[in-house]
Every structure is written in C-alpha cells, then in structure tokens.
Amino acid sequence: MTVVSQDLSTTSYALLGLLALDGTSSSLTGYELKQRADRTLRFYWVSPAMSQVYTELDRLARSGLVSATAEQTGRRTSQRYQITGTGIEVLQSWLNSSAADFPILKHPTALRLLMGALVAPDRLRRLLQDYLDQLAERRTDLASVRTMLGDEESLRYPAMVADWGLGYYDSEAGIVRELMERLPGY
C-alpha cells in the first residue's frame, strides 16, 4: 500500500530528505539517520526521538518510499534504509506543491518574560542572560557546521540553511539584548 503524500508527517519528509542528501544510492541505518538528524535538524526543527525515527522508517518502508536491507555485523543484524524512486517522487511533489508554513513559536523564555511581573527584575535579567549564553553556544555549534559545509556545490542548500540559522541566532541575540535594556533598573 502506497501512502499518498498528504498522509505523511513533516518528520517523514525530513527523514526522506536526509536520506536523499547524498543522492539515491546511499543507505543509512536508523541510528545513522538519527545522528544525521541530530547534526542538522536540531538547529531549525525538532530532531525526532530514536523511537520516532524507527516508527517513521517502518511506515516509509511499508509505503515503498524507502527500501530496507538487512546488514549483518557480527551477531547483530541491522537495517539499512535507502530512499526509493517513489520516495524521491513523493518528496519532490511535497517540495513543489506544499505551501511555506509559518513556524509555530513555542518559546519558553518568551513565555516566562510574559509573566515577568511575577518575579524580580534580577531574575528576568538572569533568565535572559542564560538565554543569550545558550544562543551563543548554539551559534558556535552551527558556525562549525557551516565551516564544515564549506562552499561545495553539492552542499549549497544545507549551507544556505546554516547561514539562515546563523542570522537567526544573531537577530535573536539582538532582540534579547534590547529587551534586557528595557527591564526595570537596567
């Protein structure tokens, strides 16, 4: 039974895309795919849990969008997954026909700031400073990914997303610094 593209989750499309990054001839285990998701998706999308990766891969395999091949390593058998021609078609159809969804902002720091009248300004300053520190750490991580991507033509689009992420972190840090200046007693 082939799943029509409307039945797939965004996570399914993300996994198909991660499988297609190296072309259609490469294959990855679920663990390797999870590692790739953690290295890439975490900067702009929720990286799926390991169980979710395997659940989605099973679903994609049943739908004929990926193929699974058993690989024996010692006594351990693992599955290697490869995107199929149908999987590429479904992914391309989604890329070509889906609207640009506006992101859902679930911002724990903004939520806490919303209720800032209930805590001391010093607590809010610490909260925002902690967030700035986290932004700086994430930016450093992403900058190293961007450096690793270089200017290789085959990695042009992942590099563009990394540049977007770096700009986002810079912009977000600027917003937080401006908000800190508006706190009472600054």
C-alpha atoms as a PDB file:
ATOM      1  CA  MET A   1       0.000   0.000   0.000  1.00  0.00           C
ATOM      2  CA  THR A   2       1.477   3.323  -1.034  1.00  0.00           C
ATOM      3  CA  VAL A   3       0.896   6.260   1.265  1.00  0.00           C
ATOM      4  CA  VAL A   4      -0.219   9.396  -0.502  1.00  0.00           C
ATOM      5  CA  SER A   5       1.815  12.441   0.357  1.00  0.00           C
ATOM      6  CA  GLN A   6      -0.979  14.011   2.416  1.00  0.00           C
ATOM      7  CA  ASP A   7      -0.708  11.097   4.862  1.00  0.00           C
ATOM      8  CA  LEU A   8       2.955  11.778   5.650  1.00  0.00           C
ATOM      9  CA  SER A   9       4.113  13.871   8.561  1.00  0.00           C
ATOM     10  CA  THR A  10       6.695  16.604   8.231  1.00  0.00           C
ATOM     11  CA  THR A  11       9.043  14.270  10.124  1.00  0.00           C
ATOM     12  CA  SER A  12       8.577  11.678   7.362  1.00  0.00           C
ATOM     13  CA  TYR A  13       9.522  14.261   4.747  1.00  0.00           C
ATOM     14  CA  ALA A  14      12.508  15.344   6.858  1.00  0.00           C
ATOM     15  CA  LEU A  15      13.750  11.739   7.043  1.00  0.00           C
ATOM     16  CA  LEU A  16      13.231  11.240   3.301  1.00  0.00           C
ATOM     17  CA  GLY A  17      15.194  14.427   2.697  1.00  0.00           C
ATOM     18  CA  LEU A  18      18.002  13.309   4.996  1.00  0.00           C
ATOM     19  CA  LEU A  19      18.185  10.003   3.118  1.00  0.00           C
ATOM     20  CA  ALA A  20      18.320  11.886  -0.194  1.00  0.00           C
ATOM     21  CA  LEU A  21      21.083  14.305   0.853  1.00  0.00           C
ATOM     22  CA  ASP A  22      23.821  12.081  -0.540  1.00  0.00           C
ATOM     23  CA  GLY A  23      21.829  11.045  -3.607  1.00  0.00           C
ATOM     24  CA  THR A  24      19.703   7.972  -4.015  1.00  0.00           C
ATOM     25  CA  SER A  25      22.483   5.396  -3.859  1.00  0.00           C
ATOM     26  CA  SER A  26      23.491   5.847  -0.222  1.00  0.00           C
ATOM     27  CA  SER A  27      21.891   3.979   2.641  1.00  0.00           C
ATOM     28  CA  LEU A  28      21.811   4.624   6.363  1.00  0.00           C
ATOM     29  CA  THR A  29      20.819   2.670   9.418  1.00  0.00           C
ATOM     30  CA  GLY A  30      18.169   4.148  11.683  1.00  0.00           C
ATOM     31  CA  TYR A  31      20.920   5.052  14.131  1.00  0.00           C
ATOM     32  CA  GLU A  32      22.956   6.808  11.427  1.00  0.00           C
ATOM     33  CA  LEU A  33      19.852   8.658  10.278  1.00  0.00           C
ATOM     34  CA  LYS A  34      19.167   9.774  13.857  1.00  0.00           C
ATOM     35  CA  GLN A  35      22.765  11.047  14.104  1.00  0.00           C
ATOM     36  CA  ARG A  36      22.334  12.958  10.836  1.00  0.00           C
ATOM     37  CA  ALA A  37      19.069  14.430  12.146  1.00  0.00           C
ATOM     38  CA  ASP A  38      20.770  15.474  15.386  1.00  0.00           C
ATOM     39  CA  ARG A  39      23.597  17.155  13.473  1.00  0.00           C
ATOM     40  CA  THR A  40      21.325  19.009  11.075  1.00  0.00           C
ATOM     41  CA  LEU A  41      17.692  19.308  12.107  1.00  0.00           C
ATOM     42  CA  ARG A  42      18.330  20.424  15.670  1.00  0.00           C
ATOM     43  CA  PHE A  43      19.181  23.947  14.538  1.00  0.00           C
ATOM     44  CA  TYR A  44      15.777  24.634  12.975  1.00  0.00           C
ATOM     45  CA  TRP A  45      13.460  21.673  13.547  1.00  0.00           C
ATOM     46  CA  VAL A  46      12.841  19.271  16.388  1.00  0.00           C
ATOM     47  CA  SER A  47      15.131  16.303  15.902  1.00  0.00           C
ATOM     48  CA  PRO A  48      12.950  13.194  16.179  1.00  0.00           C
ATOM     49  CA  ALA A  49      13.425  10.715  19.001  1.00  0.00           C
ATOM     50  CA  MET A  50      15.092   7.419  18.138  1.00  0.00           C
ATOM     51  CA  SER A  51      11.786   5.564  18.501  1.00  0.00           C
ATOM     52  CA  GLN A  52      10.117   8.055  16.155  1.00  0.00           C
ATOM     53  CA  VAL A  53      12.868   7.555  13.554  1.00  0.00           C
ATOM     54  CA  TYR A  54      12.290   3.790  13.559  1.00  0.00           C
ATOM     55  CA  THR A  55       8.491   4.161  13.533  1.00  0.00           C
ATOM     56  CA  GLU A  56       8.653   6.535  10.553  1.00  0.00           C
ATOM     57  CA  LEU A  57      11.194   4.353   8.718  1.00  0.00           C
ATOM     58  CA  ASP A  58       8.927   1.302   9.129  1.00  0.00           C
ATOM     59  CA  ARG A  59       5.995   3.313   7.827  1.00  0.00           C
ATOM     60  CA  LEU A  60       8.029   4.640   4.881  1.00  0.00           C
ATOM     61  CA  ALA A  61       9.255   1.116   4.072  1.00  0.00           C
ATOM     62  CA  ARG A  62       5.703  -0.299   4.155  1.00  0.00           C
ATOM     63  CA  SER A  63       4.699   2.508   1.796  1.00  0.00           C
ATOM     64  CA  GLY A  64       7.509   1.730  -0.654  1.00  0.00           C
ATOM     65  CA  LEU A  65       9.152   5.131  -0.139  1.00  0.00           C
ATOM     66  CA  VAL A  66      12.308   3.611   1.332  1.00  0.00           C
ATOM     67  CA  SER A  67      13.783   0.155   0.977  1.00  0.00           C
ATOM     68  CA  ALA A  68      15.225  -1.748   3.901  1.00  0.00           C
ATOM     69  CA  THR A  69      18.115  -4.167   3.569  1.00  0.00           C
ATOM     70  CA  ALA A  70      19.345  -6.363   6.405  1.00  0.00           C
ATOM     71  CA  GLU A  71      23.028  -5.978   7.239  1.00  0.00           C
ATOM     72  CA  GLN A  72      24.853  -8.489   9.419  1.00  0.00           C
ATOM     73  CA  THR A  73      27.650  -7.130  11.623  1.00  0.00           C
ATOM     74  CA  GLY A  74      28.952  -9.921  13.847  1.00  0.00           C
ATOM     75  CA  ARG A  75      25.919 -11.299  15.650  1.00  0.00           C
ATOM     76  CA  ARG A  76      23.971  -8.096  15.204  1.00  0.00           C
ATOM     77  CA  THR A  77      21.585  -7.539  12.328  1.00  0.00           C
ATOM     78  CA  SER A  78      20.582  -4.014  11.434  1.00  0.00           C
ATOM     79  CA  GLN A  79      18.518  -2.492   8.672  1.00  0.00           C
ATOM     80  CA  ARG A  80      19.956  -0.063   6.150  1.00  0.00           C
ATOM     81  CA  TYR A  81      17.438   2.282   4.588  1.00  0.00           C
ATOM     82  CA  GLN A  82      17.600   3.845   1.152  1.00  0.00           C
ATOM     83  CA  ILE A  83      15.144   6.213  -0.484  1.00  0.00           C
ATOM     84  CA  THR A  84      13.359   4.679  -3.473  1.00  0.00           C
ATOM     85  CA  GLY A  85      12.421   6.294  -6.762  1.00  0.00           C
ATOM     86  CA  THR A  86       8.859   6.591  -5.472  1.00  0.00           C
ATOM     87  CA  GLY A  87      10.207   8.167  -2.288  1.00  0.00           C
ATOM     88  CA  ILE A  88      12.072  10.781  -4.333  1.00  0.00           C
ATOM     89  CA  GLU A  89       8.911  11.478  -6.358  1.00  0.00           C
ATOM     90  CA  VAL A  90       6.785  11.918  -3.227  1.00  0.00           C
ATOM     91  CA  LEU A  91       9.429  14.128  -1.626  1.00  0.00           C
ATOM     92  CA  GLN A  92       9.731  16.262  -4.754  1.00  0.00           C
ATOM     93  CA  SER A  93       5.950  16.519  -5.002  1.00  0.00           C
ATOM     94  CA  TRP A  94       5.796  17.759  -1.404  1.00  0.00           C
ATOM     95  CA  LEU A  95       8.622  20.229  -2.026  1.00  0.00           C
ATOM     96  CA  ASN A  96       6.974  21.526  -5.205  1.00  0.00           C
ATOM     97  CA  SER A  97       3.386  21.711  -4.003  1.00  0.00           C
ATOM     98  CA  SER A  98       3.329  22.443  -0.292  1.00  0.00           C
ATOM     99  CA  ALA A  99       2.884  25.972   0.975  1.00  0.00           C
ATOM    100  CA  ALA A 100       5.514  27.617   3.131  1.00  0.00           C
ATOM    101  CA  ASP A 101       4.061  27.039   6.586  1.00  0.00           C
ATOM    102  CA  PHE A 102       4.558  29.741   9.151  1.00  0.00           C
ATOM    103  CA  PRO A 103       6.547  28.294  12.072  1.00  0.00           C
ATOM    104  CA  ILE A 104       4.854  27.650  15.382  1.00  0.00           C
ATOM    105  CA  LEU A 105       6.749  29.566  18.004  1.00  0.00           C
ATOM    106  CA  LYS A 106       6.979  27.733  21.320  1.00  0.00           C
ATOM    107  CA  HIS A 107       9.425  29.946  23.158  1.00  0.00           C
ATOM    108  CA  PRO A 108       9.854  29.065  26.861  1.00  0.00           C
ATOM    109  CA  THR A 109      11.908  32.205  27.544  1.00  0.00           C
ATOM    110  CA  ALA A 110       9.276  34.462  25.953  1.00  0.00           C
ATOM    111  CA  LEU A 111       6.582  32.683  27.972  1.00  0.00           C
ATOM    112  CA  ARG A 112       8.468  33.373  31.197  1.00  0.00           C
ATOM    113  CA  LEU A 113       9.052  37.007  30.203  1.00  0.00           C
ATOM    114  CA  LEU A 114       5.311  37.340  29.544  1.00  0.00           C
ATOM    115  CA  MET A 115       4.794  36.640  33.251  1.00  0.00           C
ATOM    116  CA  GLY A 116       7.726  38.827  34.297  1.00  0.00           C
ATOM    117  CA  ALA A 117       5.630  40.948  36.657  1.00  0.00           C
ATOM    118  CA  LEU A 118       5.524  37.961  38.997  1.00  0.00           C
ATOM    119  CA  VAL A 119       9.300  37.818  39.595  1.00  0.00           C
ATOM    120  CA  ALA A 120      12.063  40.262  40.439  1.00  0.00           C
ATOM    121  CA  PRO A 121      13.814  42.112  37.569  1.00  0.00           C
ATOM    122  CA  ASP A 122      17.101  40.469  38.599  1.00  0.00           C
ATOM    123  CA  ARG A 123      15.553  37.059  37.937  1.00  0.00           C
ATOM    124  CA  LEU A 124      14.448  38.212  34.483  1.00  0.00           C
ATOM    125  CA  ARG A 125      17.945  39.545  33.749  1.00  0.00           C
ATOM    126  CA  ARG A 126      19.445  36.165  34.723  1.00  0.00           C
ATOM    127  CA  LEU A 127      16.857  34.372  32.601  1.00  0.00           C
ATOM    128  CA  LEU A 128      17.605  36.496  29.546  1.00  0.00           C
ATOM    129  CA  GLN A 129      21.364  36.276  30.105  1.00  0.00           C
ATOM    130  CA  ASP A 130      21.123  32.488  30.352  1.00  0.00           C
ATOM    131  CA  TYR A 131      19.238  32.509  27.074  1.00  0.00           C
ATOM    132  CA  LEU A 132      21.890  34.719  25.462  1.00  0.00           C
ATOM    133  CA  ASP A 133      24.534  32.243  26.646  1.00  0.00           C
ATOM    134  CA  GLN A 134      22.568  29.372  25.092  1.00  0.00           C
ATOM    135  CA  LEU A 135      22.205  31.305  21.835  1.00  0.00           C
ATOM    136  CA  ALA A 136      25.958  31.905  21.750  1.00  0.00           C
ATOM    137  CA  GLU A 137      26.628  28.202  22.345  1.00  0.00           C
ATOM    138  CA  ARG A 138      24.209  27.123  19.612  1.00  0.00           C
ATOM    139  CA  ARG A 139      25.651  29.730  17.249  1.00  0.00           C
ATOM    140  CA  THR A 140      29.157  28.392  17.860  1.00  0.00           C
ATOM    141  CA  ASP A 141      27.946  24.849  17.120  1.00  0.00           C
ATOM    142  CA  LEU A 142      26.203  25.966  13.940  1.00  0.00           C
ATOM    143  CA  ALA A 143      29.193  28.046  12.837  1.00  0.00           C
ATOM    144  CA  SER A 144      31.350  24.911  12.998  1.00  0.00           C
ATOM    145  CA  VAL A 145      28.767  23.046  10.898  1.00  0.00           C
ATOM    146  CA  ARG A 146      28.774  25.913   8.393  1.00  0.00           C
ATOM    147  CA  THR A 147      32.565  25.816   8.212  1.00  0.00           C
ATOM    148  CA  MET A 148      32.411  22.045   7.632  1.00  0.00           C
ATOM    149  CA  LEU A 149      29.933  22.543   4.761  1.00  0.00           C
ATOM    150  CA  GLY A 150      32.305  24.947   3.037  1.00  0.00           C
ATOM    151  CA  ASP A 151      31.432  26.150  -0.432  1.00  0.00           C
ATOM    152  CA  GLU A 152      30.978  22.752  -2.057  1.00  0.00           C
ATOM    153  CA  GLU A 153      28.274  22.930  -4.733  1.00  0.00           C
ATOM    154  CA  SER A 154      26.594  19.694  -3.595  1.00  0.00           C
ATOM    155  CA  LEU A 155      26.133  21.216  -0.117  1.00  0.00           C
ATOM    156  CA  ARG A 156      24.898  24.610  -1.305  1.00  0.00           C
ATOM    157  CA  TYR A 157      21.418  24.311   0.204  1.00  0.00           C
ATOM    158  CA  PRO A 158      22.427  22.932   3.598  1.00  0.00           C
ATOM    159  CA  ALA A 159      24.974  25.786   3.708  1.00  0.00           C
ATOM    160  CA  MET A 160      22.225  28.299   2.948  1.00  0.00           C
ATOM    161  CA  VAL A 161      20.136  26.910   5.811  1.00  0.00           C
ATOM    162  CA  ALA A 162      23.165  27.160   8.104  1.00  0.00           C
ATOM    163  CA  ASP A 163      23.629  30.799   7.046  1.00  0.00           C
ATOM    164  CA  TRP A 164      19.951  31.405   7.773  1.00  0.00           C
ATOM    165  CA  GLY A 165      20.368  29.850  11.214  1.00  0.00           C
ATOM    166  CA  LEU A 166      23.406  31.988  11.981  1.00  0.00           C
ATOM    167  CA  GLY A 167      21.456  35.089  11.002  1.00  0.00           C
ATOM    168  CA  TYR A 168      18.557  33.947  13.169  1.00  0.00           C
ATOM    169  CA  TYR A 169      20.796  33.488  16.218  1.00  0.00           C
ATOM    170  CA  ASP A 170      22.360  36.914  15.654  1.00  0.00           C
ATOM    171  CA  SER A 171      18.939  38.533  15.288  1.00  0.00           C
ATOM    172  CA  GLU A 172      17.521  36.732  18.319  1.00  0.00           C
ATOM    173  CA  ALA A 173      20.504  37.809  20.434  1.00  0.00           C
ATOM    174  CA  GLY A 174      19.980  41.429  19.348  1.00  0.00           C
ATOM    175  CA  ILE A 175      16.307  41.261  20.324  1.00  0.00           C
ATOM    176  CA  VAL A 176      17.134  39.805  23.746  1.00  0.00           C
ATOM    177  CA  ARG A 177      19.798  42.458  24.415  1.00  0.00           C
ATOM    178  CA  GLU A 178      17.277  45.179  23.547  1.00  0.00           C
ATOM    179  CA  LEU A 179      14.685  43.595  25.859  1.00  0.00           C
ATOM    180  CA  MET A 180      17.232  43.440  28.679  1.00  0.00           C
ATOM    181  CA  GLU A 181      17.789  47.194  28.320  1.00  0.00           C
ATOM    182  CA  ARG A 182      14.059  47.725  28.826  1.00  0.00           C
ATOM    183  CA  LEU A 183      13.956  45.847  32.134  1.00  0.00           C
ATOM    184  CA  PRO A 184      13.419  47.966  35.220  1.00  0.00           C
ATOM    185  CA  GLY A 185      16.654  49.039  36.904  1.00  0.00           C
ATOM    186  CA  TYR A 186      18.883  48.330  33.895  1.00  0.00           C
END
